[in-house]
Structure formats: C-alpha cells, structure tokens
Amino acid sequence: MLTVAAASAGGGHTLLVTEDGEVVSLGRNHSGQCGHGAGAGLWVTAPRLVQGLLQHVFAVAASAGGYHSLVQTDKGRVFSFGWGDLGALGHDSQQNEHLPREIAALSHRRVSHLAAGLHHSVFVCSDVTLACGNTDWGHCGAGEDAPDSLLVPTAVVAQPDVRFVRATAGFYSTALLGQD
C-alpha cells in the first residue's frame, strides 16, 4: 500500500508523491504526462511508478498540468515530462517527453516551489521566479513584449522589492504569493 505525502490532479492525469520519495501516476497519457515511456498507451488505469530518472532521486513535490508534469526533488532539481508544445517543459524545444527529463536551465538553481498550468510552468527560486510555456494570456509574467512561447524558464517581471515564495497555476492563469 502507498503512503501518499502529496498529490496533484491535472487536466486528465494525477501525480502522487509517496513518503518514500517515489512518484506514482495514473490517468490520461496521450503526451507522456504519466511518465511511463512511449509505449505506455493512452490511459494508465491503475497507479504506476513513474519510470526513468525519477527512480534515482527523492521526490518531494509534483504538479500535474493540463498535459504535462513537473517533479521537484529534495535537492531542488526539477524534472518535466509530457506535452512539449509551446515550451511548457522548459527544455528549449517543443518536443514531447515520455519519461522524466531534468530541466537543464534550472540545474544551477534550487527550486523551492513549482506549478504546472495548461501550457505553462512556474518555478520559484530563492532569488528569482521563472516561467516557461505559452504566453498568450500573460500567465508567464514575461511582459507585453514576450514572444508567443518561452521555451526555457525566463524571469517573471515583478516589482523589485517583492520576493515570491509560492506559486499556483490554473489553465490560463498564475498566482504568486509574495513576501516583502
């Protein structure tokens, strides 16, 4: 039996983080958002351990987006998998990932909180908050002159005296909790 420490429900899939630092997923898997490899099928009908690199780390948090997944480790590393279109995975491409892949652009940062939306992702670090993915509705906080998609995590434009500590992402929105 699994002892679940954290859970996140996305657009059609669910991620569970166990007390042992493992990640289990189930649900719709059409873009690899359940993290079981390219041959896993469109539906994962029972909880299954996420495959790949996550088997060698201790997960502490996960966020299920519309069609992608994010996982944070105890060392602040971040892995993403699922639908890569519009850059939500942060890998400087729009390719789907069917297994967890570490976001290289975040490797020199310690992420303290993360959130996955429909087509975007948000990462709170000690010195900056970053976002990637679709920018059409401003939910990446990249300003009015941002390109249509941010393929790598990019700094959120904010007032200089505000430090963000938490994030949550909806389908077309992001909310950040700040600290003076």
N, C-alpha and C. Protein backbone atom coordinates (compact mmCIF):
# COMPACT_ATOMS: atom_id res chain seq x y z
N MET A 1 0.82 -1.18 0.00
CA MET A 1 0.00 0.00 0.00
C MET A 1 0.87 1.25 0.00
N LEU A 2 0.46 2.25 -0.77
CA LEU A 2 1.19 3.51 -0.87
C LEU A 2 0.81 4.45 0.27
N THR A 3 1.80 5.13 0.82
CA THR A 3 1.54 6.20 1.76
C THR A 3 1.83 7.50 1.02
N VAL A 4 0.79 8.24 0.70
CA VAL A 4 0.91 9.43 -0.14
C VAL A 4 1.21 10.65 0.73
N ALA A 5 2.26 11.38 0.34
CA ALA A 5 2.65 12.61 1.04
C ALA A 5 2.12 13.85 0.33
N ALA A 6 1.94 13.76 -1.00
CA ALA A 6 1.45 14.90 -1.78
C ALA A 6 0.76 14.38 -3.03
N ALA A 7 -0.21 15.15 -3.52
CA ALA A 7 -0.94 14.77 -4.73
C ALA A 7 -1.24 16.00 -5.56
N SER A 8 -1.34 15.79 -6.87
CA SER A 8 -1.71 16.87 -7.78
C SER A 8 -2.54 16.29 -8.92
N ALA A 9 -3.67 16.92 -9.19
CA ALA A 9 -4.53 16.50 -10.29
C ALA A 9 -4.42 17.49 -11.43
N GLY A 10 -4.22 16.99 -12.64
CA GLY A 10 -4.09 17.85 -13.81
C GLY A 10 -5.31 17.77 -14.70
N GLY A 11 -5.10 18.03 -15.98
CA GLY A 11 -6.19 18.05 -16.94
C GLY A 11 -6.83 16.70 -17.17
N GLY A 12 -6.16 15.63 -16.89
CA GLY A 12 -6.71 14.29 -17.05
C GLY A 12 -5.85 13.23 -16.40
N HIS A 13 -4.83 13.66 -15.69
CA HIS A 13 -3.93 12.72 -15.01
C HIS A 13 -3.65 13.19 -13.59
N THR A 14 -3.17 12.26 -12.77
CA THR A 14 -2.88 12.55 -11.37
C THR A 14 -1.48 12.08 -11.03
N LEU A 15 -0.78 12.86 -10.23
CA LEU A 15 0.55 12.51 -9.72
C LEU A 15 0.47 12.38 -8.21
N LEU A 16 1.08 11.34 -7.68
CA LEU A 16 1.16 11.11 -6.25
C LEU A 16 2.62 11.00 -5.85
N VAL A 17 3.02 11.73 -4.82
CA VAL A 17 4.37 11.62 -4.27
C VAL A 17 4.24 10.84 -2.97
N THR A 18 5.00 9.75 -2.85
CA THR A 18 4.91 8.91 -1.66
C THR A 18 5.86 9.41 -0.58
N GLU A 19 5.67 8.94 0.63
CA GLU A 19 6.57 9.29 1.73
C GLU A 19 7.99 8.79 1.48
N ASP A 20 8.14 7.81 0.59
CA ASP A 20 9.46 7.26 0.24
C ASP A 20 10.12 8.03 -0.90
N GLY A 21 9.50 9.14 -1.35
CA GLY A 21 10.08 9.96 -2.40
C GLY A 21 9.88 9.44 -3.80
N GLU A 22 8.96 8.52 -3.96
CA GLU A 22 8.66 7.99 -5.30
C GLU A 22 7.48 8.77 -5.88
N VAL A 23 7.36 8.73 -7.21
CA VAL A 23 6.23 9.38 -7.87
C VAL A 23 5.43 8.32 -8.61
N VAL A 24 4.13 8.35 -8.38
CA VAL A 24 3.20 7.40 -8.99
C VAL A 24 2.22 8.23 -9.80
N SER A 25 1.80 7.70 -10.94
CA SER A 25 0.86 8.44 -11.77
C SER A 25 -0.21 7.53 -12.33
N LEU A 26 -1.30 8.15 -12.77
CA LEU A 26 -2.36 7.44 -13.46
C LEU A 26 -3.21 8.44 -14.21
N GLY A 27 -3.97 7.96 -15.19
CA GLY A 27 -4.87 8.82 -15.95
C GLY A 27 -4.51 8.88 -17.41
N ARG A 28 -4.95 9.96 -18.05
CA ARG A 28 -4.72 10.17 -19.48
C ARG A 28 -3.22 10.38 -19.72
N ASN A 29 -2.70 9.71 -20.76
CA ASN A 29 -1.26 9.69 -21.02
C ASN A 29 -0.94 9.96 -22.48
N HIS A 30 -1.79 10.67 -23.21
CA HIS A 30 -1.62 10.83 -24.65
C HIS A 30 -0.34 11.54 -25.06
N SER A 31 0.27 12.31 -24.18
CA SER A 31 1.51 13.03 -24.50
C SER A 31 2.68 12.60 -23.62
N GLY A 32 2.50 11.53 -22.86
CA GLY A 32 3.56 11.06 -21.98
C GLY A 32 3.53 11.67 -20.60
N GLN A 33 2.46 12.39 -20.25
CA GLN A 33 2.40 13.10 -18.98
C GLN A 33 2.37 12.19 -17.75
N CYS A 34 2.18 10.89 -17.95
CA CYS A 34 2.25 9.95 -16.82
C CYS A 34 3.66 9.42 -16.60
N GLY A 35 4.56 9.63 -17.57
CA GLY A 35 5.96 9.29 -17.39
C GLY A 35 6.31 7.81 -17.40
N HIS A 36 5.62 7.05 -18.27
CA HIS A 36 5.87 5.60 -18.33
C HIS A 36 6.50 5.15 -19.63
N GLY A 37 7.03 6.08 -20.43
CA GLY A 37 7.67 5.72 -21.68
C GLY A 37 6.71 5.79 -22.85
N ALA A 38 7.27 5.77 -24.06
CA ALA A 38 6.50 5.96 -25.28
C ALA A 38 5.48 4.86 -25.54
N GLY A 39 5.68 3.67 -25.04
CA GLY A 39 4.77 2.56 -25.32
C GLY A 39 3.74 2.32 -24.24
N ALA A 40 3.51 3.27 -23.36
CA ALA A 40 2.64 3.05 -22.21
C ALA A 40 1.15 3.08 -22.54
N GLY A 41 0.77 3.58 -23.70
CA GLY A 41 -0.64 3.64 -24.06
C GLY A 41 -1.26 4.97 -23.67
N LEU A 42 -2.51 5.17 -24.13
CA LEU A 42 -3.20 6.44 -23.91
C LEU A 42 -3.75 6.60 -22.50
N TRP A 43 -4.00 5.50 -21.82
CA TRP A 43 -4.56 5.56 -20.46
C TRP A 43 -3.77 4.68 -19.52
N VAL A 44 -3.47 5.19 -18.35
CA VAL A 44 -2.88 4.42 -17.27
C VAL A 44 -4.00 4.29 -16.24
N THR A 45 -4.57 3.10 -16.14
CA THR A 45 -5.80 2.93 -15.36
C THR A 45 -5.58 2.57 -13.89
N ALA A 46 -4.36 2.26 -13.53
CA ALA A 46 -4.05 1.96 -12.13
C ALA A 46 -2.75 2.68 -11.78
N PRO A 47 -2.57 3.10 -10.54
CA PRO A 47 -1.34 3.80 -10.16
C PRO A 47 -0.10 2.99 -10.52
N ARG A 48 0.85 3.66 -11.20
CA ARG A 48 2.11 3.03 -11.60
C ARG A 48 3.27 3.96 -11.27
N LEU A 49 4.37 3.38 -10.86
CA LEU A 49 5.59 4.13 -10.56
C LEU A 49 6.10 4.80 -11.83
N VAL A 50 6.39 6.09 -11.76
CA VAL A 50 6.96 6.82 -12.89
C VAL A 50 8.35 6.26 -13.16
N GLN A 51 8.68 6.08 -14.43
CA GLN A 51 9.92 5.44 -14.84
C GLN A 51 11.05 6.47 -15.05
N GLY A 52 12.21 5.98 -15.44
CA GLY A 52 13.33 6.83 -15.82
C GLY A 52 14.10 7.41 -14.65
N LEU A 53 14.59 8.62 -14.83
CA LEU A 53 15.47 9.27 -13.86
C LEU A 53 14.88 9.44 -12.48
N LEU A 54 13.57 9.48 -12.37
CA LEU A 54 12.95 9.68 -11.06
C LEU A 54 13.19 8.51 -10.12
N GLN A 55 13.60 7.38 -10.65
CA GLN A 55 13.88 6.23 -9.79
C GLN A 55 15.20 6.38 -9.03
N HIS A 56 15.95 7.44 -9.33
CA HIS A 56 17.25 7.64 -8.70
C HIS A 56 17.31 8.93 -7.87
N VAL A 57 16.16 9.52 -7.59
CA VAL A 57 16.09 10.75 -6.79
C VAL A 57 14.99 10.61 -5.75
N PHE A 58 14.94 11.57 -4.82
CA PHE A 58 13.90 11.59 -3.80
C PHE A 58 12.97 12.76 -4.10
N ALA A 59 11.78 12.46 -4.57
CA ALA A 59 10.81 13.50 -4.93
C ALA A 59 10.11 14.03 -3.68
N VAL A 60 9.87 15.34 -3.66
CA VAL A 60 9.16 15.97 -2.54
C VAL A 60 7.89 16.68 -2.97
N ALA A 61 7.77 16.98 -4.27
CA ALA A 61 6.59 17.68 -4.77
C ALA A 61 6.38 17.35 -6.24
N ALA A 62 5.13 17.47 -6.66
CA ALA A 62 4.79 17.28 -8.07
C ALA A 62 3.63 18.18 -8.42
N SER A 63 3.57 18.56 -9.69
CA SER A 63 2.45 19.37 -10.16
C SER A 63 2.02 18.83 -11.52
N ALA A 64 0.75 18.49 -11.62
CA ALA A 64 0.17 17.98 -12.86
C ALA A 64 -0.49 19.14 -13.60
N GLY A 65 -0.04 19.41 -14.81
CA GLY A 65 -0.63 20.47 -15.62
C GLY A 65 -1.71 19.91 -16.53
N GLY A 66 -2.05 20.69 -17.53
CA GLY A 66 -3.06 20.23 -18.48
C GLY A 66 -2.63 18.97 -19.20
N TYR A 67 -1.39 18.98 -19.72
CA TYR A 67 -0.87 17.85 -20.48
C TYR A 67 0.58 17.54 -20.15
N HIS A 68 1.08 18.09 -19.07
CA HIS A 68 2.47 17.82 -18.70
C HIS A 68 2.59 17.71 -17.18
N SER A 69 3.77 17.25 -16.74
CA SER A 69 4.01 17.02 -15.32
C SER A 69 5.35 17.61 -14.91
N LEU A 70 5.40 18.09 -13.66
CA LEU A 70 6.63 18.60 -13.06
C LEU A 70 6.87 17.86 -11.76
N VAL A 71 8.14 17.55 -11.48
CA VAL A 71 8.50 16.91 -10.22
C VAL A 71 9.71 17.62 -9.64
N GLN A 72 9.65 17.91 -8.34
CA GLN A 72 10.74 18.58 -7.62
C GLN A 72 11.36 17.58 -6.65
N THR A 73 12.69 17.58 -6.56
CA THR A 73 13.38 16.68 -5.65
C THR A 73 13.79 17.39 -4.36
N ASP A 74 14.27 16.61 -3.41
CA ASP A 74 14.73 17.18 -2.14
C ASP A 74 15.96 18.06 -2.32
N LYS A 75 16.64 17.96 -3.43
CA LYS A 75 17.82 18.79 -3.72
C LYS A 75 17.47 20.01 -4.57
N GLY A 76 16.17 20.21 -4.84
CA GLY A 76 15.73 21.35 -5.62
C GLY A 76 15.82 21.16 -7.12
N ARG A 77 16.12 19.95 -7.57
CA ARG A 77 16.16 19.66 -9.01
C ARG A 77 14.73 19.52 -9.52
N VAL A 78 14.54 19.81 -10.81
CA VAL A 78 13.21 19.74 -11.40
C VAL A 78 13.24 18.90 -12.67
N PHE A 79 12.27 18.00 -12.77
CA PHE A 79 12.10 17.15 -13.94
C PHE A 79 10.74 17.45 -14.55
N SER A 80 10.65 17.35 -15.88
CA SER A 80 9.37 17.55 -16.55
C SER A 80 9.17 16.46 -17.59
N PHE A 81 7.91 16.21 -17.90
CA PHE A 81 7.57 15.23 -18.93
C PHE A 81 6.15 15.45 -19.40
N GLY A 82 5.87 14.99 -20.61
CA GLY A 82 4.55 15.16 -21.19
C GLY A 82 4.60 15.99 -22.47
N TRP A 83 3.56 16.80 -22.66
CA TRP A 83 3.38 17.58 -23.89
C TRP A 83 4.35 18.74 -23.93
N GLY A 84 5.21 18.76 -24.94
CA GLY A 84 6.23 19.79 -25.03
C GLY A 84 5.86 20.99 -25.87
N ASP A 85 4.74 20.92 -26.59
CA ASP A 85 4.34 22.02 -27.45
C ASP A 85 4.22 23.30 -26.63
N LEU A 86 4.64 24.40 -27.20
CA LEU A 86 4.60 25.73 -26.60
C LEU A 86 5.65 25.94 -25.51
N GLY A 87 6.51 24.94 -25.25
CA GLY A 87 7.62 25.12 -24.34
C GLY A 87 7.37 24.89 -22.86
N ALA A 88 6.22 24.34 -22.50
CA ALA A 88 5.89 24.18 -21.08
C ALA A 88 6.87 23.29 -20.32
N LEU A 89 7.61 22.43 -21.01
CA LEU A 89 8.55 21.53 -20.33
C LEU A 89 9.88 22.22 -19.99
N GLY A 90 10.17 23.35 -20.64
CA GLY A 90 11.38 24.10 -20.31
C GLY A 90 12.66 23.54 -20.89
N HIS A 91 12.58 22.69 -21.91
CA HIS A 91 13.77 22.04 -22.47
C HIS A 91 14.30 22.70 -23.74
N ASP A 92 13.91 23.93 -24.01
CA ASP A 92 14.36 24.66 -25.20
C ASP A 92 13.95 23.95 -26.49
N SER A 93 12.81 23.29 -26.43
CA SER A 93 12.24 22.63 -27.60
C SER A 93 10.73 22.52 -27.39
N GLN A 94 10.05 22.00 -28.39
CA GLN A 94 8.62 21.77 -28.27
C GLN A 94 8.32 20.28 -28.43
N GLN A 95 9.28 19.47 -28.09
CA GLN A 95 9.18 18.02 -28.22
C GLN A 95 8.53 17.41 -26.98
N ASN A 96 7.68 16.41 -27.19
CA ASN A 96 7.11 15.68 -26.05
C ASN A 96 8.20 14.85 -25.38
N GLU A 97 8.07 14.66 -24.09
CA GLU A 97 8.97 13.80 -23.32
C GLU A 97 8.11 12.76 -22.63
N HIS A 98 8.35 11.49 -22.93
CA HIS A 98 7.54 10.41 -22.34
C HIS A 98 8.13 9.86 -21.05
N LEU A 99 9.34 10.30 -20.74
CA LEU A 99 10.00 9.95 -19.47
C LEU A 99 10.49 11.24 -18.83
N PRO A 100 10.63 11.27 -17.51
CA PRO A 100 11.12 12.48 -16.84
C PRO A 100 12.49 12.90 -17.36
N ARG A 101 12.64 14.18 -17.58
CA ARG A 101 13.91 14.75 -18.04
C ARG A 101 14.19 15.98 -17.18
N GLU A 102 15.40 16.07 -16.66
CA GLU A 102 15.75 17.22 -15.84
C GLU A 102 15.80 18.47 -16.70
N ILE A 103 15.29 19.58 -16.17
CA ILE A 103 15.31 20.85 -16.89
C ILE A 103 16.70 21.45 -16.70
N ALA A 104 17.50 21.41 -17.76
CA ALA A 104 18.90 21.85 -17.71
C ALA A 104 19.03 23.31 -17.30
N ALA A 105 18.11 24.15 -17.76
CA ALA A 105 18.19 25.59 -17.46
C ALA A 105 18.01 25.89 -15.97
N LEU A 106 17.52 24.91 -15.21
CA LEU A 106 17.34 25.10 -13.77
C LEU A 106 18.41 24.38 -12.95
N SER A 107 19.36 23.74 -13.60
CA SER A 107 20.33 22.90 -12.88
C SER A 107 21.21 23.69 -11.92
N HIS A 108 21.42 24.97 -12.15
CA HIS A 108 22.25 25.80 -11.26
C HIS A 108 21.42 26.54 -10.21
N ARG A 109 20.14 26.24 -10.16
CA ARG A 109 19.24 26.90 -9.20
C ARG A 109 18.62 25.86 -8.28
N ARG A 110 18.24 26.29 -7.11
CA ARG A 110 17.49 25.43 -6.21
C ARG A 110 16.04 25.90 -6.22
N VAL A 111 15.18 25.10 -6.81
CA VAL A 111 13.76 25.44 -6.89
C VAL A 111 13.10 25.06 -5.58
N SER A 112 12.32 26.00 -5.01
CA SER A 112 11.65 25.75 -3.73
C SER A 112 10.16 25.46 -3.91
N HIS A 113 9.61 25.85 -5.06
CA HIS A 113 8.19 25.60 -5.32
C HIS A 113 7.96 25.62 -6.82
N LEU A 114 6.99 24.83 -7.28
CA LEU A 114 6.69 24.80 -8.70
C LEU A 114 5.20 24.62 -8.93
N ALA A 115 4.77 24.97 -10.15
CA ALA A 115 3.36 24.84 -10.51
C ALA A 115 3.24 24.64 -12.01
N ALA A 116 2.35 23.75 -12.42
CA ALA A 116 2.09 23.48 -13.83
C ALA A 116 0.68 23.92 -14.18
N GLY A 117 0.55 24.70 -15.25
CA GLY A 117 -0.76 25.12 -15.75
C GLY A 117 -1.12 24.33 -17.00
N LEU A 118 -2.01 24.86 -17.80
CA LEU A 118 -2.41 24.17 -19.02
C LEU A 118 -1.24 24.02 -19.98
N HIS A 119 -0.61 25.13 -20.35
CA HIS A 119 0.51 25.13 -21.29
C HIS A 119 1.69 25.92 -20.74
N HIS A 120 1.82 26.01 -19.43
CA HIS A 120 2.93 26.77 -18.86
C HIS A 120 3.36 26.17 -17.53
N SER A 121 4.57 26.56 -17.11
CA SER A 121 5.13 26.09 -15.85
C SER A 121 5.77 27.27 -15.13
N VAL A 122 5.74 27.23 -13.79
CA VAL A 122 6.29 28.31 -12.97
C VAL A 122 7.20 27.69 -11.91
N PHE A 123 8.36 28.33 -11.68
CA PHE A 123 9.36 27.82 -10.75
C PHE A 123 9.80 28.95 -9.81
N VAL A 124 9.60 28.76 -8.53
CA VAL A 124 10.02 29.75 -7.53
C VAL A 124 11.38 29.33 -7.00
N CYS A 125 12.35 30.23 -7.12
CA CYS A 125 13.71 30.01 -6.60
C CYS A 125 13.98 31.07 -5.54
N SER A 126 15.07 30.94 -4.82
CA SER A 126 15.36 31.89 -3.75
C SER A 126 15.58 33.31 -4.26
N ASP A 127 16.14 33.45 -5.46
CA ASP A 127 16.49 34.77 -5.97
C ASP A 127 15.63 35.26 -7.13
N VAL A 128 14.82 34.40 -7.71
CA VAL A 128 14.04 34.76 -8.89
C VAL A 128 12.89 33.78 -9.07
N THR A 129 11.83 34.22 -9.72
CA THR A 129 10.75 33.32 -10.13
C THR A 129 10.78 33.26 -11.64
N LEU A 130 10.70 32.04 -12.16
CA LEU A 130 10.83 31.80 -13.60
C LEU A 130 9.58 31.13 -14.13
N ALA A 131 9.32 31.31 -15.42
CA ALA A 131 8.19 30.65 -16.07
C ALA A 131 8.56 30.29 -17.49
N CYS A 132 7.88 29.29 -18.02
CA CYS A 132 8.07 28.92 -19.43
C CYS A 132 6.75 28.41 -19.98
N GLY A 133 6.66 28.38 -21.30
CA GLY A 133 5.45 27.90 -21.96
C GLY A 133 4.73 29.01 -22.69
N ASN A 134 3.45 28.83 -22.92
CA ASN A 134 2.63 29.76 -23.68
C ASN A 134 2.44 31.07 -22.92
N THR A 135 2.59 32.18 -23.63
CA THR A 135 2.48 33.50 -23.00
C THR A 135 1.26 34.29 -23.46
N ASP A 136 0.38 33.68 -24.26
CA ASP A 136 -0.73 34.40 -24.89
C ASP A 136 -1.58 35.22 -23.93
N TRP A 137 -1.81 34.75 -22.73
CA TRP A 137 -2.70 35.43 -21.80
C TRP A 137 -1.95 36.08 -20.64
N GLY A 138 -0.63 36.16 -20.77
CA GLY A 138 0.17 36.82 -19.75
C GLY A 138 0.48 35.98 -18.52
N HIS A 139 0.11 34.71 -18.52
CA HIS A 139 0.27 33.91 -17.31
C HIS A 139 1.72 33.52 -17.01
N CYS A 140 2.66 33.80 -17.92
CA CYS A 140 4.08 33.58 -17.61
C CYS A 140 4.74 34.82 -17.02
N GLY A 141 4.02 35.92 -16.99
CA GLY A 141 4.54 37.13 -16.37
C GLY A 141 5.77 37.69 -17.04
N ALA A 142 5.88 37.50 -18.36
CA ALA A 142 7.08 37.90 -19.09
C ALA A 142 6.97 39.29 -19.71
N GLY A 143 5.87 39.97 -19.49
CA GLY A 143 5.69 41.31 -20.04
C GLY A 143 5.00 41.31 -21.39
N GLU A 144 4.61 42.49 -21.83
CA GLU A 144 3.84 42.64 -23.06
C GLU A 144 4.62 42.30 -24.32
N ASP A 145 5.93 42.42 -24.30
CA ASP A 145 6.74 42.18 -25.49
C ASP A 145 7.27 40.76 -25.58
N ALA A 146 6.76 39.87 -24.76
CA ALA A 146 7.24 38.48 -24.74
C ALA A 146 6.86 37.76 -26.04
N PRO A 147 7.68 36.82 -26.49
CA PRO A 147 7.29 36.00 -27.64
C PRO A 147 6.08 35.13 -27.29
N ASP A 148 5.48 34.48 -28.27
CA ASP A 148 4.30 33.64 -28.03
C ASP A 148 4.57 32.50 -27.05
N SER A 149 5.79 31.99 -27.08
CA SER A 149 6.16 30.89 -26.18
C SER A 149 7.55 31.12 -25.63
N LEU A 150 7.74 30.76 -24.36
CA LEU A 150 9.06 30.77 -23.73
C LEU A 150 9.50 29.32 -23.63
N LEU A 151 10.54 28.93 -24.37
CA LEU A 151 10.96 27.54 -24.42
C LEU A 151 11.85 27.14 -23.25
N VAL A 152 12.39 28.12 -22.54
CA VAL A 152 13.20 27.86 -21.33
C VAL A 152 12.66 28.75 -20.21
N PRO A 153 12.85 28.36 -18.97
CA PRO A 153 12.41 29.20 -17.86
C PRO A 153 13.02 30.60 -17.94
N THR A 154 12.15 31.60 -17.85
CA THR A 154 12.52 33.00 -18.02
C THR A 154 11.99 33.80 -16.83
N ALA A 155 12.73 34.79 -16.40
CA ALA A 155 12.34 35.56 -15.21
C ALA A 155 10.97 36.21 -15.37
N VAL A 156 10.18 36.12 -14.33
CA VAL A 156 8.89 36.79 -14.25
C VAL A 156 9.14 38.25 -13.96
N VAL A 157 8.46 39.13 -14.66
CA VAL A 157 8.61 40.57 -14.45
C VAL A 157 7.79 40.94 -13.21
N ALA A 158 8.45 41.54 -12.22
CA ALA A 158 7.77 41.89 -10.98
C ALA A 158 8.40 43.15 -10.39
N GLN A 159 7.75 43.70 -9.41
CA GLN A 159 8.32 44.85 -8.73
C GLN A 159 9.59 44.41 -8.00
N PRO A 160 10.62 45.23 -7.99
CA PRO A 160 11.92 44.82 -7.45
C PRO A 160 11.93 44.47 -5.96
N ASP A 161 11.02 45.00 -5.16
CA ASP A 161 11.05 44.75 -3.73
C ASP A 161 10.19 43.57 -3.31
N VAL A 162 9.66 42.79 -4.26
CA VAL A 162 8.81 41.65 -3.93
C VAL A 162 9.55 40.35 -4.26
N ARG A 163 9.57 39.47 -3.30
CA ARG A 163 10.16 38.14 -3.49
C ARG A 163 9.03 37.13 -3.39
N PHE A 164 8.87 36.30 -4.42
CA PHE A 164 7.80 35.31 -4.42
C PHE A 164 8.23 34.05 -3.68
N VAL A 165 7.29 33.44 -2.96
CA VAL A 165 7.61 32.25 -2.17
C VAL A 165 6.76 31.03 -2.56
N ARG A 166 5.63 31.26 -3.20
CA ARG A 166 4.74 30.17 -3.61
C ARG A 166 4.10 30.53 -4.95
N ALA A 167 3.70 29.49 -5.68
CA ALA A 167 3.02 29.69 -6.96
C ALA A 167 1.92 28.67 -7.12
N THR A 168 0.91 29.06 -7.85
CA THR A 168 -0.12 28.12 -8.28
C THR A 168 -0.48 28.51 -9.71
N ALA A 169 -0.79 27.52 -10.51
CA ALA A 169 -1.09 27.79 -11.92
C ALA A 169 -2.42 27.17 -12.29
N GLY A 170 -3.25 27.95 -12.95
CA GLY A 170 -4.50 27.45 -13.49
C GLY A 170 -4.33 27.20 -14.98
N PHE A 171 -5.42 26.94 -15.66
CA PHE A 171 -5.31 26.70 -17.09
C PHE A 171 -4.75 27.91 -17.82
N TYR A 172 -5.25 29.09 -17.54
CA TYR A 172 -4.80 30.30 -18.21
C TYR A 172 -4.38 31.38 -17.22
N SER A 173 -3.89 30.98 -16.07
CA SER A 173 -3.53 31.97 -15.05
C SER A 173 -2.42 31.46 -14.15
N THR A 174 -1.81 32.40 -13.46
CA THR A 174 -0.80 32.09 -12.44
C THR A 174 -1.04 33.03 -11.27
N ALA A 175 -0.92 32.51 -10.06
CA ALA A 175 -0.97 33.34 -8.86
C ALA A 175 0.33 33.12 -8.09
N LEU A 176 0.94 34.21 -7.65
CA LEU A 176 2.19 34.14 -6.91
C LEU A 176 2.00 34.80 -5.55
N LEU A 177 2.47 34.15 -4.51
CA LEU A 177 2.42 34.69 -3.17
C LEU A 177 3.77 35.33 -2.90
N GLY A 178 3.75 36.62 -2.58
CA GLY A 178 4.99 37.35 -2.38
C GLY A 178 5.25 37.69 -0.93
N GLN A 179 6.50 38.04 -0.68
CA GLN A 179 6.96 38.45 0.63
C GLN A 179 7.77 39.73 0.46
N ASP A 180 7.58 40.71 1.34
CA ASP A 180 8.37 41.95 1.25
C ASP A 180 9.79 41.70 1.69
